[in-house]
Amino acid sequence: MSEVQTVLVEITGDYRSGTSQKGNPYCMFEGYVHLPNRPYPEKASFYAEKVSEVPPVGTYRVDAKLSVKDGRVTVDVDPRNGVRTELPSLSKVMKPGQVA
């Protein structure tokens, strides 16, 4: 039995939405994923069917689910299923022009 890996995801509040060529609604929202053993977070996009599914701006603890699809290992991170933390995002902590 393996342990579930969790990662922190900072949701920015930025998203784009529309209708696909097949006529289905979609929404892509942005966030930054803090990966283990990486010094900086990685920007990523996440899928939501509706804008109302986009999590509020904040930092979330999210399970990283491993699976095999078409013979390849994939990692799925869905902030909509995450738990909001009290950790502030760096953009809220640092003043404009401040260097860490």
PDB file of N, CA and C in Angstrom:
ATOM      1  N   MET A   1       0.846  -1.180   0.000  1.00  0.00           N
ATOM      2  CA  MET A   1       0.000   0.000   0.000  1.00  0.00           C
ATOM      3  C   MET A   1       0.887   1.236   0.000  1.00  0.00           C
ATOM      4  N   SER A   2       0.577   2.193  -0.846  1.00  0.00           N
ATOM      5  CA  SER A   2       1.395   3.393  -0.918  1.00  0.00           C
ATOM      6  C   SER A   2       0.685   4.575  -0.254  1.00  0.00           C
ATOM      7  N   GLU A   3       1.484   5.529   0.190  1.00  0.00           N
ATOM      8  CA  GLU A   3       0.925   6.724   0.790  1.00  0.00           C
ATOM      9  C   GLU A   3       0.457   7.674  -0.300  1.00  0.00           C
ATOM     10  N   VAL A   4      -0.549   8.466   0.017  1.00  0.00           N
ATOM     11  CA  VAL A   4      -1.017   9.473  -0.918  1.00  0.00           C
ATOM     12  C   VAL A   4      -0.103  10.686  -0.791  1.00  0.00           C
ATOM     13  N   GLN A   5       0.400  11.163  -1.901  1.00  0.00           N
ATOM     14  CA  GLN A   5       1.246  12.350  -1.927  1.00  0.00           C
ATOM     15  C   GLN A   5       0.357  13.580  -2.028  1.00  0.00           C
ATOM     16  N   THR A   6       0.591  14.574  -1.202  1.00  0.00           N
ATOM     17  CA  THR A   6      -0.158  15.824  -1.325  1.00  0.00           C
ATOM     18  C   THR A   6       0.787  16.931  -1.757  1.00  0.00           C
ATOM     19  N   VAL A   7       0.231  17.889  -2.480  1.00  0.00           N
ATOM     20  CA  VAL A   7       0.994  19.056  -2.930  1.00  0.00           C
ATOM     21  C   VAL A   7       0.194  20.297  -2.592  1.00  0.00           C
ATOM     22  N   LEU A   8       0.896  21.430  -2.500  1.00  0.00           N
ATOM     23  CA  LEU A   8       0.224  22.710  -2.306  1.00  0.00           C
ATOM     24  C   LEU A   8      -0.011  23.348  -3.661  1.00  0.00           C
ATOM     25  N   VAL A   9      -1.206  23.903  -3.849  1.00  0.00           N
ATOM     26  CA  VAL A   9      -1.551  24.590  -5.091  1.00  0.00           C
ATOM     27  C   VAL A   9      -2.087  25.972  -4.727  1.00  0.00           C
ATOM     28  N   GLU A  10      -1.462  27.009  -5.299  1.00  0.00           N
ATOM     29  CA  GLU A  10      -1.947  28.372  -5.111  1.00  0.00           C
ATOM     30  C   GLU A  10      -2.848  28.728  -6.282  1.00  0.00           C
ATOM     31  N   ILE A  11      -4.107  29.024  -6.013  1.00  0.00           N
ATOM     32  CA  ILE A  11      -5.057  29.417  -7.049  1.00  0.00           C
ATOM     33  C   ILE A  11      -4.992  30.934  -7.201  1.00  0.00           C
ATOM     34  N   THR A  12      -4.831  31.394  -8.445  1.00  0.00           N
ATOM     35  CA  THR A  12      -4.634  32.820  -8.715  1.00  0.00           C
ATOM     36  C   THR A  12      -5.923  33.593  -8.930  1.00  0.00           C
ATOM     37  N   GLY A  13      -6.982  32.909  -9.332  1.00  0.00           N
ATOM     38  CA  GLY A  13      -8.220  33.594  -9.679  1.00  0.00           C
ATOM     39  C   GLY A  13      -8.325  33.881 -11.170  1.00  0.00           C
ATOM     40  N   ASP A  14      -7.250  33.622 -11.922  1.00  0.00           N
ATOM     41  CA  ASP A  14      -7.269  33.823 -13.373  1.00  0.00           C
ATOM     42  C   ASP A  14      -7.883  32.600 -14.051  1.00  0.00           C
ATOM     43  N   TYR A  15      -8.785  32.846 -14.995  1.00  0.00           N
ATOM     44  CA  TYR A  15      -9.407  31.741 -15.737  1.00  0.00           C
ATOM     45  C   TYR A  15      -9.870  32.239 -17.093  1.00  0.00           C
ATOM     46  N   ARG A  16     -10.139  31.293 -17.971  1.00  0.00           N
ATOM     47  CA  ARG A  16     -10.770  31.587 -19.255  1.00  0.00           C
ATOM     48  C   ARG A  16     -11.864  30.552 -19.452  1.00  0.00           C
ATOM     49  N   SER A  17     -12.958  30.986 -20.064  1.00  0.00           N
ATOM     50  CA  SER A  17     -14.072  30.064 -20.268  1.00  0.00           C
ATOM     51  C   SER A  17     -14.682  30.295 -21.635  1.00  0.00           C
ATOM     52  N   GLY A  18     -15.461  29.331 -22.055  1.00  0.00           N
ATOM     53  CA  GLY A  18     -16.099  29.445 -23.352  1.00  0.00           C
ATOM     54  C   GLY A  18     -16.857  28.178 -23.681  1.00  0.00           C
ATOM     55  N   THR A  19     -17.050  27.978 -24.972  1.00  0.00           N
ATOM     56  CA  THR A  19     -17.742  26.801 -25.470  1.00  0.00           C
ATOM     57  C   THR A  19     -16.841  26.103 -26.476  1.00  0.00           C
ATOM     58  N   SER A  20     -16.697  24.792 -26.323  1.00  0.00           N
ATOM     59  CA  SER A  20     -15.843  24.029 -27.233  1.00  0.00           C
ATOM     60  C   SER A  20     -16.495  23.943 -28.609  1.00  0.00           C
ATOM     61  N   GLN A  21     -15.728  23.455 -29.589  1.00  0.00           N
ATOM     62  CA  GLN A  21     -16.259  23.288 -30.943  1.00  0.00           C
ATOM     63  C   GLN A  21     -17.442  22.316 -30.967  1.00  0.00           C
ATOM     64  N   LYS A  22     -17.470  21.406 -30.001  1.00  0.00           N
ATOM     65  CA  LYS A  22     -18.583  20.451 -29.909  1.00  0.00           C
ATOM     66  C   LYS A  22     -19.779  21.035 -29.159  1.00  0.00           C
ATOM     67  N   GLY A  23     -19.643  22.293 -28.702  1.00  0.00           N
ATOM     68  CA  GLY A  23     -20.752  22.946 -28.006  1.00  0.00           C
ATOM     69  C   GLY A  23     -20.795  22.738 -26.510  1.00  0.00           C
ATOM     70  N   ASN A  24     -19.724  22.188 -25.941  1.00  0.00           N
ATOM     71  CA  ASN A  24     -19.680  21.943 -24.498  1.00  0.00           C
ATOM     72  C   ASN A  24     -19.025  23.124 -23.776  1.00  0.00           C
ATOM     73  N   PRO A  25     -19.593  23.545 -22.634  1.00  0.00           N
ATOM     74  CA  PRO A  25     -18.966  24.625 -21.873  1.00  0.00           C
ATOM     75  C   PRO A  25     -17.679  24.127 -21.217  1.00  0.00           C
ATOM     76  N   TYR A  26     -16.726  25.031 -21.044  1.00  0.00           N
ATOM     77  CA  TYR A  26     -15.484  24.681 -20.360  1.00  0.00           C
ATOM     78  C   TYR A  26     -14.951  25.896 -19.627  1.00  0.00           C
ATOM     79  N   CYS A  27     -14.060  25.643 -18.710  1.00  0.00           N
ATOM     80  CA  CYS A  27     -13.358  26.701 -17.990  1.00  0.00           C
ATOM     81  C   CYS A  27     -11.981  26.154 -17.629  1.00  0.00           C
ATOM     82  N   MET A  28     -10.948  26.913 -17.930  1.00  0.00           N
ATOM     83  CA  MET A  28      -9.578  26.561 -17.545  1.00  0.00           C
ATOM     84  C   MET A  28      -9.115  27.624 -16.552  1.00  0.00           C
ATOM     85  N   PHE A  29      -8.692  27.191 -15.347  1.00  0.00           N
ATOM     86  CA  PHE A  29      -8.206  28.154 -14.362  1.00  0.00           C
ATOM     87  C   PHE A  29      -6.746  27.876 -14.036  1.00  0.00           C
ATOM     88  N   GLU A  30      -6.059  28.919 -13.554  1.00  0.00           N
ATOM     89  CA  GLU A  30      -4.616  28.835 -13.332  1.00  0.00           C
ATOM     90  C   GLU A  30      -4.257  28.750 -11.858  1.00  0.00           C
ATOM     91  N   GLY A  31      -3.115  28.138 -11.635  1.00  0.00           N
ATOM     92  CA  GLY A  31      -2.571  28.055 -10.297  1.00  0.00           C
ATOM     93  C   GLY A  31      -1.096  27.716 -10.362  1.00  0.00           C
ATOM     94  N   TYR A  32      -0.459  27.693  -9.216  1.00  0.00           N
ATOM     95  CA  TYR A  32       0.957  27.334  -9.109  1.00  0.00           C
ATOM     96  C   TYR A  32       1.074  26.130  -8.183  1.00  0.00           C
ATOM     97  N   VAL A  33       1.704  25.073  -8.677  1.00  0.00           N
ATOM     98  CA  VAL A  33       1.847  23.827  -7.941  1.00  0.00           C
ATOM     99  C   VAL A  33       3.237  23.763  -7.323  1.00  0.00           C
ATOM    100  N   HIS A  34       3.292  23.523  -6.026  1.00  0.00           N
ATOM    101  CA  HIS A  34       4.557  23.383  -5.306  1.00  0.00           C
ATOM    102  C   HIS A  34       4.926  21.896  -5.315  1.00  0.00           C
ATOM    103  N   LEU A  35       5.828  21.517  -6.215  1.00  0.00           N
ATOM    104  CA  LEU A  35       6.241  20.119  -6.340  1.00  0.00           C
ATOM    105  C   LEU A  35       7.356  19.795  -5.352  1.00  0.00           C
ATOM    106  N   PRO A  36       7.388  18.558  -4.855  1.00  0.00           N
ATOM    107  CA  PRO A  36       8.462  18.161  -3.936  1.00  0.00           C
ATOM    108  C   PRO A  36       9.832  18.302  -4.606  1.00  0.00           C
ATOM    109  N   ASN A  37      10.797  18.712  -3.833  1.00  0.00           N
ATOM    110  CA  ASN A  37      12.190  18.828  -4.267  1.00  0.00           C
ATOM    111  C   ASN A  37      12.394  19.838  -5.396  1.00  0.00           C
ATOM    112  N   ARG A  38      11.498  20.793  -5.545  1.00  0.00           N
ATOM    113  CA  ARG A  38      11.633  21.874  -6.529  1.00  0.00           C
ATOM    114  C   ARG A  38      11.673  23.198  -5.769  1.00  0.00           C
ATOM    115  N   PRO A  39      12.611  24.082  -6.133  1.00  0.00           N
ATOM    116  CA  PRO A  39      12.729  25.333  -5.379  1.00  0.00           C
ATOM    117  C   PRO A  39      11.609  26.336  -5.665  1.00  0.00           C
ATOM    118  N   TYR A  40      10.975  26.244  -6.822  1.00  0.00           N
ATOM    119  CA  TYR A  40       9.939  27.206  -7.194  1.00  0.00           C
ATOM    120  C   TYR A  40       8.675  26.483  -7.638  1.00  0.00           C
ATOM    121  N   PRO A  41       7.525  27.111  -7.423  1.00  0.00           N
ATOM    122  CA  PRO A  41       6.281  26.486  -7.898  1.00  0.00           C
ATOM    123  C   PRO A  41       6.192  26.543  -9.420  1.00  0.00           C
ATOM    124  N   GLU A  42       5.447  25.600  -9.993  1.00  0.00           N
ATOM    125  CA  GLU A  42       5.244  25.511 -11.442  1.00  0.00           C
ATOM    126  C   GLU A  42       3.839  25.985 -11.791  1.00  0.00           C
ATOM    127  N   LYS A  43       3.735  26.840 -12.805  1.00  0.00           N
ATOM    128  CA  LYS A  43       2.428  27.306 -13.258  1.00  0.00           C
ATOM    129  C   LYS A  43       1.711  26.154 -13.962  1.00  0.00           C
ATOM    130  N   ALA A  44       0.417  26.022 -13.689  1.00  0.00           N
ATOM    131  CA  ALA A  44      -0.360  24.941 -14.301  1.00  0.00           C
ATOM    132  C   ALA A  44      -1.779  25.427 -14.559  1.00  0.00           C
ATOM    133  N   SER A  45      -2.448  24.763 -15.501  1.00  0.00           N
ATOM    134  CA  SER A  45      -3.857  25.024 -15.791  1.00  0.00           C
ATOM    135  C   SER A  45      -4.676  23.828 -15.354  1.00  0.00           C
ATOM    136  N   PHE A  46      -5.885  24.099 -14.890  1.00  0.00           N
ATOM    137  CA  PHE A  46      -6.778  23.064 -14.406  1.00  0.00           C
ATOM    138  C   PHE A  46      -8.129  23.226 -15.084  1.00  0.00           C
ATOM    139  N   TYR A  47      -8.834  22.128 -15.255  1.00  0.00           N
ATOM    140  CA  TYR A  47     -10.119  22.120 -15.951  1.00  0.00           C
ATOM    141  C   TYR A  47     -11.280  22.221 -14.974  1.00  0.00           C
ATOM    142  N   ALA A  48     -12.279  22.990 -15.366  1.00  0.00           N
ATOM    143  CA  ALA A  48     -13.560  23.022 -14.663  1.00  0.00           C
ATOM    144  C   ALA A  48     -14.636  23.121 -15.738  1.00  0.00           C
ATOM    145  N   GLU A  49     -15.771  22.540 -15.485  1.00  0.00           N
ATOM    146  CA  GLU A  49     -16.846  22.603 -16.477  1.00  0.00           C
ATOM    147  C   GLU A  49     -17.512  23.975 -16.483  1.00  0.00           C
ATOM    148  N   LYS A  50     -17.617  24.590 -15.280  1.00  0.00           N
ATOM    149  CA  LYS A  50     -18.265  25.899 -15.148  1.00  0.00           C
ATOM    150  C   LYS A  50     -17.376  26.829 -14.322  1.00  0.00           C
ATOM    151  N   VAL A  51     -17.530  28.134 -14.539  1.00  0.00           N
ATOM    152  CA  VAL A  51     -16.778  29.127 -13.776  1.00  0.00           C
ATOM    153  C   VAL A  51     -17.065  28.988 -12.283  1.00  0.00           C
ATOM    154  N   SER A  52     -18.273  28.601 -11.930  1.00  0.00           N
ATOM    155  CA  SER A  52     -18.647  28.456 -10.521  1.00  0.00           C
ATOM    156  C   SER A  52     -17.855  27.352  -9.815  1.00  0.00           C
ATOM    157  N   GLU A  53     -17.189  26.472 -10.577  1.00  0.00           N
ATOM    158  CA  GLU A  53     -16.374  25.396  -9.988  1.00  0.00           C
ATOM    159  C   GLU A  53     -14.947  25.844  -9.680  1.00  0.00           C
ATOM    160  N   VAL A  54     -14.551  27.041 -10.127  1.00  0.00           N
ATOM    161  CA  VAL A  54     -13.195  27.528  -9.879  1.00  0.00           C
ATOM    162  C   VAL A  54     -13.058  27.853  -8.390  1.00  0.00           C
ATOM    163  N   PRO A  55     -12.062  27.268  -7.717  1.00  0.00           N
ATOM    164  CA  PRO A  55     -11.890  27.553  -6.289  1.00  0.00           C
ATOM    165  C   PRO A  55     -11.531  29.023  -6.062  1.00  0.00           C
ATOM    166  N   PRO A  56     -11.932  29.585  -4.925  1.00  0.00           N
ATOM    167  CA  PRO A  56     -11.539  30.958  -4.599  1.00  0.00           C
ATOM    168  C   PRO A  56     -10.014  31.071  -4.490  1.00  0.00           C
ATOM    169  N   VAL A  57      -9.509  32.280  -4.693  1.00  0.00           N
ATOM    170  CA  VAL A  57      -8.070  32.531  -4.564  1.00  0.00           C
ATOM    171  C   VAL A  57      -7.603  32.056  -3.197  1.00  0.00           C
ATOM    172  N   GLY A  58      -6.489  31.350  -3.174  1.00  0.00           N
ATOM    173  CA  GLY A  58      -5.940  30.846  -1.920  1.00  0.00           C
ATOM    174  C   GLY A  58      -5.008  29.678  -2.169  1.00  0.00           C
ATOM    175  N   THR A  59      -4.507  29.120  -1.087  1.00  0.00           N
ATOM    176  CA  THR A  59      -3.589  27.981  -1.153  1.00  0.00           C
ATOM    177  C   THR A  59      -4.318  26.739  -0.649  1.00  0.00           C
ATOM    178  N   TYR A  60      -4.211  25.658  -1.420  1.00  0.00           N
ATOM    179  CA  TYR A  60      -4.931  24.419  -1.131  1.00  0.00           C
ATOM    180  C   TYR A  60      -3.973  23.239  -1.019  1.00  0.00           C
ATOM    181  N   ARG A  61      -4.278  22.322  -0.111  1.00  0.00           N
ATOM    182  CA  ARG A  61      -3.553  21.058  -0.004  1.00  0.00           C
ATOM    183  C   ARG A  61      -4.361  20.056  -0.826  1.00  0.00           C
ATOM    184  N   VAL A  62      -3.699  19.492  -1.860  1.00  0.00           N
ATOM    185  CA  VAL A  62      -4.401  18.665  -2.839  1.00  0.00           C
ATOM    186  C   VAL A  62      -3.708  17.310  -2.982  1.00  0.00           C
ATOM    187  N   ASP A  63      -4.490  16.243  -3.051  1.00  0.00           N
ATOM    188  CA  ASP A  63      -3.937  14.914  -3.302  1.00  0.00           C
ATOM    189  C   ASP A  63      -3.434  14.825  -4.738  1.00  0.00           C
ATOM    190  N   ALA A  64      -2.270  14.237  -4.914  1.00  0.00           N
ATOM    191  CA  ALA A  64      -1.725  13.946  -6.245  1.00  0.00           C
ATOM    192  C   ALA A  64      -1.996  12.470  -6.499  1.00  0.00           C
ATOM    193  N   LYS A  65      -2.860  12.183  -7.465  1.00  0.00           N
ATOM    194  CA  LYS A  65      -3.256  10.803  -7.750  1.00  0.00           C
ATOM    195  C   LYS A  65      -2.450  10.253  -8.912  1.00  0.00           C
ATOM    196  N   LEU A  66      -1.804   9.119  -8.681  1.00  0.00           N
ATOM    197  CA  LEU A  66      -1.020   8.447  -9.716  1.00  0.00           C
ATOM    198  C   LEU A  66      -1.877   7.390 -10.389  1.00  0.00           C
ATOM    199  N   SER A  67      -1.752   7.295 -11.707  1.00  0.00           N
ATOM    200  CA  SER A  67      -2.465   6.258 -12.446  1.00  0.00           C
ATOM    201  C   SER A  67      -1.694   5.943 -13.720  1.00  0.00           C
ATOM    202  N   VAL A  68      -2.131   4.911 -14.403  1.00  0.00           N
ATOM    203  CA  VAL A  68      -1.527   4.525 -15.674  1.00  0.00           C
ATOM    204  C   VAL A  68      -2.598   4.682 -16.748  1.00  0.00           C
ATOM    205  N   LYS A  69      -2.277   5.446 -17.785  1.00  0.00           N
ATOM    206  CA  LYS A  69      -3.203   5.675 -18.884  1.00  0.00           C
ATOM    207  C   LYS A  69      -2.442   5.453 -20.184  1.00  0.00           C
ATOM    208  N   ASP A  70      -2.956   4.578 -21.022  1.00  0.00           N
ATOM    209  CA  ASP A  70      -2.305   4.244 -22.292  1.00  0.00           C
ATOM    210  C   ASP A  70      -0.858   3.807 -22.088  1.00  0.00           C
ATOM    211  N   GLY A  71      -0.615   3.070 -20.989  1.00  0.00           N
ATOM    212  CA  GLY A  71       0.718   2.552 -20.725  1.00  0.00           C
ATOM    213  C   GLY A  71       1.696   3.573 -20.157  1.00  0.00           C
ATOM    214  N   ARG A  72       1.209   4.768 -19.805  1.00  0.00           N
ATOM    215  CA  ARG A  72       2.081   5.804 -19.244  1.00  0.00           C
ATOM    216  C   ARG A  72       1.593   6.189 -17.855  1.00  0.00           C
ATOM    217  N   VAL A  73       2.515   6.496 -16.976  1.00  0.00           N
ATOM    218  CA  VAL A  73       2.170   6.948 -15.638  1.00  0.00           C
ATOM    219  C   VAL A  73       1.735   8.413 -15.729  1.00  0.00           C
ATOM    220  N   THR A  74       0.592   8.724 -15.127  1.00  0.00           N
ATOM    221  CA  THR A  74       0.113  10.102 -15.102  1.00  0.00           C
ATOM    222  C   THR A  74      -0.122  10.532 -13.659  1.00  0.00           C
ATOM    223  N   VAL A  75      -0.049  11.831 -13.440  1.00  0.00           N
ATOM    224  CA  VAL A  75      -0.326  12.405 -12.129  1.00  0.00           C
ATOM    225  C   VAL A  75      -1.477  13.390 -12.297  1.00  0.00           C
ATOM    226  N   ASP A  76      -2.509  13.239 -11.488  1.00  0.00           N
ATOM    227  CA  ASP A  76      -3.663  14.114 -11.567  1.00  0.00           C
ATOM    228  C   ASP A  76      -3.767  14.916 -10.279  1.00  0.00           C
ATOM    229  N   VAL A  77      -3.837  16.244 -10.430  1.00  0.00           N
ATOM    230  CA  VAL A  77      -3.985  17.147  -9.297  1.00  0.00           C
ATOM    231  C   VAL A  77      -5.210  18.012  -9.588  1.00  0.00           C
ATOM    232  N   ASP A  78      -6.234  17.924  -8.749  1.00  0.00           N
ATOM    233  CA  ASP A  78      -7.465  18.682  -8.975  1.00  0.00           C
ATOM    234  C   ASP A  78      -7.753  19.561  -7.763  1.00  0.00           C
ATOM    235  N   PRO A  79      -7.415  20.855  -7.846  1.00  0.00           N
ATOM    236  CA  PRO A  79      -7.625  21.753  -6.700  1.00  0.00           C
ATOM    237  C   PRO A  79      -9.073  21.870  -6.251  1.00  0.00           C
ATOM    238  N   ARG A  80     -10.024  21.529  -7.117  1.00  0.00           N
ATOM    239  CA  ARG A  80     -11.436  21.585  -6.723  1.00  0.00           C
ATOM    240  C   ARG A  80     -11.726  20.611  -5.586  1.00  0.00           C
ATOM    241  N   ASN A  81     -10.880  19.576  -5.443  1.00  0.00           N
ATOM    242  CA  ASN A  81     -11.041  18.583  -4.377  1.00  0.00           C
ATOM    243  C   ASN A  81     -10.083  18.820  -3.221  1.00  0.00           C
ATOM    244  N   GLY A  82      -9.387  19.946  -3.229  1.00  0.00           N
ATOM    245  CA  GLY A  82      -8.397  20.232  -2.197  1.00  0.00           C
ATOM    246  C   GLY A  82      -9.002  20.831  -0.941  1.00  0.00           C
ATOM    247  N   VAL A  83      -8.163  20.950   0.068  1.00  0.00           N
ATOM    248  CA  VAL A  83      -8.550  21.544   1.346  1.00  0.00           C
ATOM    249  C   VAL A  83      -7.825  22.876   1.467  1.00  0.00           C
ATOM    250  N   ARG A  84      -8.597  23.935   1.638  1.00  0.00           N
ATOM    251  CA  ARG A  84      -7.999  25.267   1.738  1.00  0.00           C
ATOM    252  C   ARG A  84      -7.176  25.363   3.015  1.00  0.00           C
ATOM    253  N   THR A  85      -6.000  25.981   2.905  1.00  0.00           N
ATOM    254  CA  THR A  85      -5.118  26.159   4.054  1.00  0.00           C
ATOM    255  C   THR A  85      -5.133  27.627   4.466  1.00  0.00           C
ATOM    256  N   GLU A  86      -4.501  27.906   5.561  1.00  0.00           N
ATOM    257  CA  GLU A  86      -4.362  29.289   6.021  1.00  0.00           C
ATOM    258  C   GLU A  86      -3.073  29.916   5.499  1.00  0.00           C
ATOM    259  N   LEU A  87      -2.320  29.181   4.684  1.00  0.00           N
ATOM    260  CA  LEU A  87      -1.070  29.705   4.146  1.00  0.00           C
ATOM    261  C   LEU A  87      -1.362  30.807   3.130  1.00  0.00           C
ATOM    262  N   PRO A  88      -0.742  31.974   3.295  1.00  0.00           N
ATOM    263  CA  PRO A  88      -0.955  33.028   2.306  1.00  0.00           C
ATOM    264  C   PRO A  88      -0.120  32.759   1.059  1.00  0.00           C
ATOM    265  N   SER A  89      -0.595  33.240  -0.089  1.00  0.00           N
ATOM    266  CA  SER A  89       0.211  33.108  -1.300  1.00  0.00           C
ATOM    267  C   SER A  89       1.343  34.116  -1.233  1.00  0.00           C
ATOM    268  N   LEU A  90       2.424  33.849  -1.940  1.00  0.00           N
ATOM    269  CA  LEU A  90       3.560  34.767  -1.930  1.00  0.00           C
ATOM    270  C   LEU A  90       3.158  36.146  -2.418  1.00  0.00           C
ATOM    271  N   SER A  91       2.249  36.229  -3.368  1.00  0.00           N
ATOM    272  CA  SER A  91       1.846  37.525  -3.897  1.00  0.00           C
ATOM    273  C   SER A  91       1.152  38.368  -2.829  1.00  0.00           C
ATOM    274  N   LYS A  92       0.543  37.730  -1.835  1.00  0.00           N
ATOM    275  CA  LYS A  92      -0.093  38.476  -0.749  1.00  0.00           C
ATOM    276  C   LYS A  92       0.918  38.869   0.334  1.00  0.00           C
ATOM    277  N   VAL A  93       1.979  38.078   0.492  1.00  0.00           N
ATOM    278  CA  VAL A  93       2.948  38.311   1.559  1.00  0.00           C
ATOM    279  C   VAL A  93       3.979  39.370   1.171  1.00  0.00           C
ATOM    280  N   MET A  94       4.429  39.318  -0.088  1.00  0.00           N
ATOM    281  CA  MET A  94       5.484  40.224  -0.533  1.00  0.00           C
ATOM    282  C   MET A  94       4.896  41.517  -1.090  1.00  0.00           C
ATOM    283  N   LYS A  95       5.592  42.620  -0.812  1.00  0.00           N
ATOM    284  CA  LYS A  95       5.172  43.918  -1.334  1.00  0.00           C
ATOM    285  C   LYS A  95       5.664  44.048  -2.778  1.00  0.00           C
ATOM    286  N   PRO A  96       4.962  44.819  -3.620  1.00  0.00           N
ATOM    287  CA  PRO A  96       5.417  45.008  -5.003  1.00  0.00           C
ATOM    288  C   PRO A  96       6.866  45.521  -5.041  1.00  0.00           C
ATOM    289  N   GLY A  97       7.683  44.899  -5.862  1.00  0.00           N
ATOM    290  CA  GLY A  97       9.087  45.288  -5.999  1.00  0.00           C
ATOM    291  C   GLY A  97      10.021  44.693  -4.951  1.00  0.00           C
ATOM    292  N   GLN A  98       9.470  43.985  -3.964  1.00  0.00           N
ATOM    293  CA  GLN A  98      10.285  43.389  -2.908  1.00  0.00           C
ATOM    294  C   GLN A  98      10.955  42.141  -3.442  1.00  0.00           C
ATOM    295  N   VAL A  99      12.215  41.957  -3.071  1.00  0.00           N
ATOM    296  CA  VAL A  99      12.971  40.764  -3.459  1.00  0.00           C
ATOM    297  C   VAL A  99      13.202  39.943  -2.209  1.00  0.00           C
ATOM    298  N   ALA A 100      12.915  38.664  -2.302  1.00  0.00           N
ATOM    299  CA  ALA A 100      13.072  37.770  -1.133  1.00  0.00           C
ATOM    300  C   ALA A 100      14.524  37.556  -0.799  1.00  0.00           C
TER     301      ALA A 100
END
